[in-house]
Amino acid sequence: MTRVLMLATLILTTSLVFVGPATAQGKSDLTVALSSFSTEVLDPIVGGHVVKYYMSLMFDYLIGVTPDGQLSKDG
């Protein structure tokens, strides 16, 4: 049993010596994962208001709505 423990310790120590620290590569893109993709389509008309928080990053809205429910040109 002692031999097995010594051998395991030796293997672990040896493997730690040869393994260097991992570094992340610099990327210019940001990937975001969502737990729900609502209607599972990339059409803002079909998706409705639920998907606006991530669709607004891909599409320009020509007509928006003010907090009191009136149409607005601000998108």
N, C-alpha and C. Protein backbone atom coordinates (compact mmCIF):
# COMPACT_ATOMS: atom_id res chain seq x y z
N MET A 1 0.82 -1.19 0.00
CA MET A 1 0.00 0.00 0.00
C MET A 1 0.87 1.26 0.00
N THR A 2 1.96 1.22 0.74
CA THR A 2 2.85 2.36 0.81
C THR A 2 3.52 2.62 -0.54
N ARG A 3 3.85 1.53 -1.25
CA ARG A 3 4.46 1.68 -2.57
C ARG A 3 3.50 2.36 -3.54
N VAL A 4 2.24 1.98 -3.48
CA VAL A 4 1.24 2.56 -4.37
C VAL A 4 1.09 4.04 -4.08
N LEU A 5 1.06 4.39 -2.81
CA LEU A 5 0.93 5.79 -2.42
C LEU A 5 2.15 6.60 -2.85
N MET A 6 3.34 6.03 -2.68
CA MET A 6 4.55 6.73 -3.10
C MET A 6 4.59 6.89 -4.62
N LEU A 7 4.18 5.85 -5.34
CA LEU A 7 4.17 5.92 -6.80
C LEU A 7 3.17 6.96 -7.29
N ALA A 8 2.00 7.01 -6.68
CA ALA A 8 0.99 8.00 -7.05
C ALA A 8 1.49 9.41 -6.77
N THR A 9 2.15 9.60 -5.65
CA THR A 9 2.70 10.91 -5.30
C THR A 9 3.79 11.31 -6.29
N LEU A 10 4.63 10.38 -6.67
CA LEU A 10 5.69 10.64 -7.63
C LEU A 10 5.12 11.02 -9.00
N ILE A 11 4.11 10.30 -9.44
CA ILE A 11 3.48 10.61 -10.74
C ILE A 11 2.82 11.98 -10.70
N LEU A 12 2.12 12.28 -9.63
CA LEU A 12 1.46 13.58 -9.50
C LEU A 12 2.47 14.71 -9.48
N THR A 13 3.53 14.54 -8.73
CA THR A 13 4.57 15.58 -8.64
C THR A 13 5.25 15.78 -9.99
N THR A 14 5.54 14.70 -10.68
CA THR A 14 6.18 14.78 -12.00
C THR A 14 5.27 15.46 -13.01
N SER A 15 3.99 15.14 -12.98
CA SER A 15 3.07 15.75 -13.94
C SER A 15 2.90 17.24 -13.67
N LEU A 16 2.96 17.66 -12.41
CA LEU A 16 2.84 19.08 -12.10
C LEU A 16 4.06 19.88 -12.54
N VAL A 17 5.20 19.24 -12.59
CA VAL A 17 6.42 19.92 -13.02
C VAL A 17 6.37 20.25 -14.51
N PHE A 18 5.83 19.34 -15.31
CA PHE A 18 5.81 19.51 -16.75
C PHE A 18 4.61 20.28 -17.28
N VAL A 19 3.63 20.52 -16.46
CA VAL A 19 2.44 21.26 -16.89
C VAL A 19 2.61 22.72 -16.52
N GLY A 20 2.55 23.59 -17.52
CA GLY A 20 2.67 25.03 -17.27
C GLY A 20 1.30 25.65 -17.07
N PRO A 21 1.29 26.89 -16.67
CA PRO A 21 0.02 27.57 -16.47
C PRO A 21 -0.67 27.83 -17.81
N ALA A 22 -1.98 27.68 -17.83
CA ALA A 22 -2.76 27.93 -19.05
C ALA A 22 -3.11 29.40 -19.13
N THR A 23 -2.95 29.96 -20.31
CA THR A 23 -3.30 31.36 -20.50
C THR A 23 -4.37 31.47 -21.57
N ALA A 24 -5.29 32.39 -21.38
CA ALA A 24 -6.37 32.59 -22.34
C ALA A 24 -5.86 33.43 -23.51
N GLN A 25 -6.41 33.15 -24.67
CA GLN A 25 -6.05 33.93 -25.84
C GLN A 25 -6.93 35.16 -25.92
N GLY A 26 -6.34 36.27 -26.29
CA GLY A 26 -7.11 37.50 -26.44
C GLY A 26 -8.01 37.43 -27.66
N LYS A 27 -9.28 37.75 -27.50
CA LYS A 27 -10.23 37.73 -28.61
C LYS A 27 -10.95 39.06 -28.68
N SER A 28 -11.37 39.41 -29.87
CA SER A 28 -12.09 40.67 -30.05
C SER A 28 -13.60 40.47 -30.03
N ASP A 29 -14.07 39.22 -29.99
CA ASP A 29 -15.51 38.93 -29.99
C ASP A 29 -15.97 38.52 -28.60
N LEU A 30 -17.19 38.90 -28.28
CA LEU A 30 -17.81 38.50 -27.03
C LEU A 30 -18.98 37.60 -27.36
N THR A 31 -18.99 36.40 -26.82
CA THR A 31 -20.07 35.45 -27.04
C THR A 31 -20.94 35.41 -25.80
N VAL A 32 -22.24 35.56 -25.99
CA VAL A 32 -23.18 35.57 -24.88
C VAL A 32 -24.15 34.42 -25.07
N ALA A 33 -24.36 33.64 -24.03
CA ALA A 33 -25.32 32.54 -24.06
C ALA A 33 -26.55 32.93 -23.25
N LEU A 34 -27.71 32.65 -23.79
CA LEU A 34 -28.96 32.97 -23.11
C LEU A 34 -29.65 31.68 -22.69
N SER A 35 -30.26 31.68 -21.54
CA SER A 35 -30.96 30.48 -21.08
C SER A 35 -32.26 30.27 -21.84
N SER A 36 -32.82 31.32 -22.38
CA SER A 36 -34.05 31.22 -23.16
C SER A 36 -33.91 32.09 -24.40
N PHE A 37 -34.27 31.55 -25.53
CA PHE A 37 -34.19 32.30 -26.78
C PHE A 37 -35.60 32.61 -27.26
N SER A 38 -36.54 32.65 -26.35
CA SER A 38 -37.93 33.01 -26.58
C SER A 38 -38.54 32.22 -27.71
N THR A 39 -38.74 32.83 -28.86
CA THR A 39 -39.44 32.16 -29.95
C THR A 39 -38.52 31.36 -30.86
N GLU A 40 -37.24 31.33 -30.56
CA GLU A 40 -36.25 30.59 -31.32
C GLU A 40 -36.11 31.07 -32.76
N VAL A 41 -36.41 32.34 -33.02
CA VAL A 41 -36.24 32.91 -34.35
C VAL A 41 -35.49 34.23 -34.22
N LEU A 42 -34.88 34.64 -35.31
CA LEU A 42 -34.17 35.92 -35.31
C LEU A 42 -34.97 36.99 -36.03
N ASP A 43 -36.28 36.85 -36.07
CA ASP A 43 -37.16 37.84 -36.68
C ASP A 43 -37.76 38.69 -35.57
N PRO A 44 -37.42 39.98 -35.49
CA PRO A 44 -37.91 40.80 -34.39
C PRO A 44 -39.42 40.98 -34.37
N ILE A 45 -40.07 40.86 -35.53
CA ILE A 45 -41.53 41.00 -35.57
C ILE A 45 -42.20 39.79 -34.93
N VAL A 46 -41.70 38.61 -35.19
CA VAL A 46 -42.27 37.39 -34.61
C VAL A 46 -41.93 37.29 -33.13
N GLY A 47 -40.74 37.75 -32.75
CA GLY A 47 -40.29 37.62 -31.37
C GLY A 47 -41.04 38.48 -30.38
N GLY A 48 -41.56 39.61 -30.82
CA GLY A 48 -42.29 40.49 -29.92
C GLY A 48 -41.38 41.28 -29.01
N HIS A 49 -41.96 41.83 -27.94
CA HIS A 49 -41.19 42.70 -27.04
C HIS A 49 -40.27 41.93 -26.10
N VAL A 50 -40.49 40.62 -25.94
CA VAL A 50 -39.70 39.82 -25.01
C VAL A 50 -38.24 39.73 -25.46
N VAL A 51 -38.01 39.73 -26.75
CA VAL A 51 -36.66 39.54 -27.27
C VAL A 51 -35.93 40.84 -27.58
N LYS A 52 -36.52 41.98 -27.26
CA LYS A 52 -35.92 43.26 -27.65
C LYS A 52 -34.57 43.50 -26.99
N TYR A 53 -34.34 42.99 -25.80
CA TYR A 53 -33.08 43.28 -25.12
C TYR A 53 -31.88 42.70 -25.84
N TYR A 54 -32.02 41.62 -26.61
CA TYR A 54 -30.87 41.16 -27.40
C TYR A 54 -31.05 41.39 -28.89
N MET A 55 -32.28 41.52 -29.37
CA MET A 55 -32.49 41.85 -30.78
C MET A 55 -32.09 43.29 -31.08
N SER A 56 -32.19 44.18 -30.12
CA SER A 56 -31.83 45.58 -30.36
C SER A 56 -30.33 45.74 -30.63
N LEU A 57 -29.54 44.75 -30.27
CA LEU A 57 -28.11 44.79 -30.58
C LEU A 57 -27.83 44.40 -32.03
N MET A 58 -28.81 43.71 -32.67
CA MET A 58 -28.62 43.27 -34.05
C MET A 58 -29.42 44.10 -35.05
N PHE A 59 -30.56 44.65 -34.63
CA PHE A 59 -31.45 45.37 -35.53
C PHE A 59 -31.66 46.79 -35.04
N ASP A 60 -31.85 47.71 -35.97
CA ASP A 60 -32.23 49.08 -35.63
C ASP A 60 -33.75 49.17 -35.66
N TYR A 61 -34.34 49.56 -34.56
CA TYR A 61 -35.78 49.74 -34.50
C TYR A 61 -36.12 51.13 -35.01
N LEU A 62 -37.00 51.21 -36.03
CA LEU A 62 -37.37 52.49 -36.61
C LEU A 62 -38.47 53.18 -35.81
N ILE A 63 -39.32 52.38 -35.17
CA ILE A 63 -40.41 52.92 -34.36
C ILE A 63 -40.32 52.27 -32.99
N GLY A 64 -40.40 53.07 -31.95
CA GLY A 64 -40.37 52.57 -30.59
C GLY A 64 -41.63 52.93 -29.85
N VAL A 65 -41.63 52.70 -28.57
CA VAL A 65 -42.78 52.99 -27.72
C VAL A 65 -42.28 53.74 -26.49
N THR A 66 -42.99 54.78 -26.13
CA THR A 66 -42.66 55.54 -24.93
C THR A 66 -43.17 54.79 -23.71
N PRO A 67 -42.74 55.16 -22.50
CA PRO A 67 -43.21 54.47 -21.30
C PRO A 67 -44.73 54.51 -21.12
N ASP A 68 -45.40 55.52 -21.69
CA ASP A 68 -46.86 55.57 -21.55
C ASP A 68 -47.59 54.86 -22.69
N GLY A 69 -46.85 54.17 -23.58
CA GLY A 69 -47.48 53.35 -24.61
C GLY A 69 -47.69 54.04 -25.95
N GLN A 70 -47.20 55.23 -26.12
CA GLN A 70 -47.35 55.96 -27.38
C GLN A 70 -46.19 55.62 -28.33
N LEU A 71 -46.47 55.62 -29.64
CA LEU A 71 -45.43 55.35 -30.62
C LEU A 71 -44.42 56.49 -30.65
N SER A 72 -43.17 56.15 -30.89
CA SER A 72 -42.10 57.15 -30.88
C SER A 72 -41.16 56.90 -32.05
N LYS A 73 -40.60 57.95 -32.62
CA LYS A 73 -39.62 57.83 -33.70
C LYS A 73 -38.23 57.48 -33.17
N ASP A 74 -38.04 57.47 -31.88
CA ASP A 74 -36.73 57.22 -31.28
C ASP A 74 -36.32 55.76 -31.31
N GLY A 75 -37.23 54.87 -31.61
CA GLY A 75 -36.90 53.45 -31.67
C GLY A 75 -36.94 52.84 -30.31
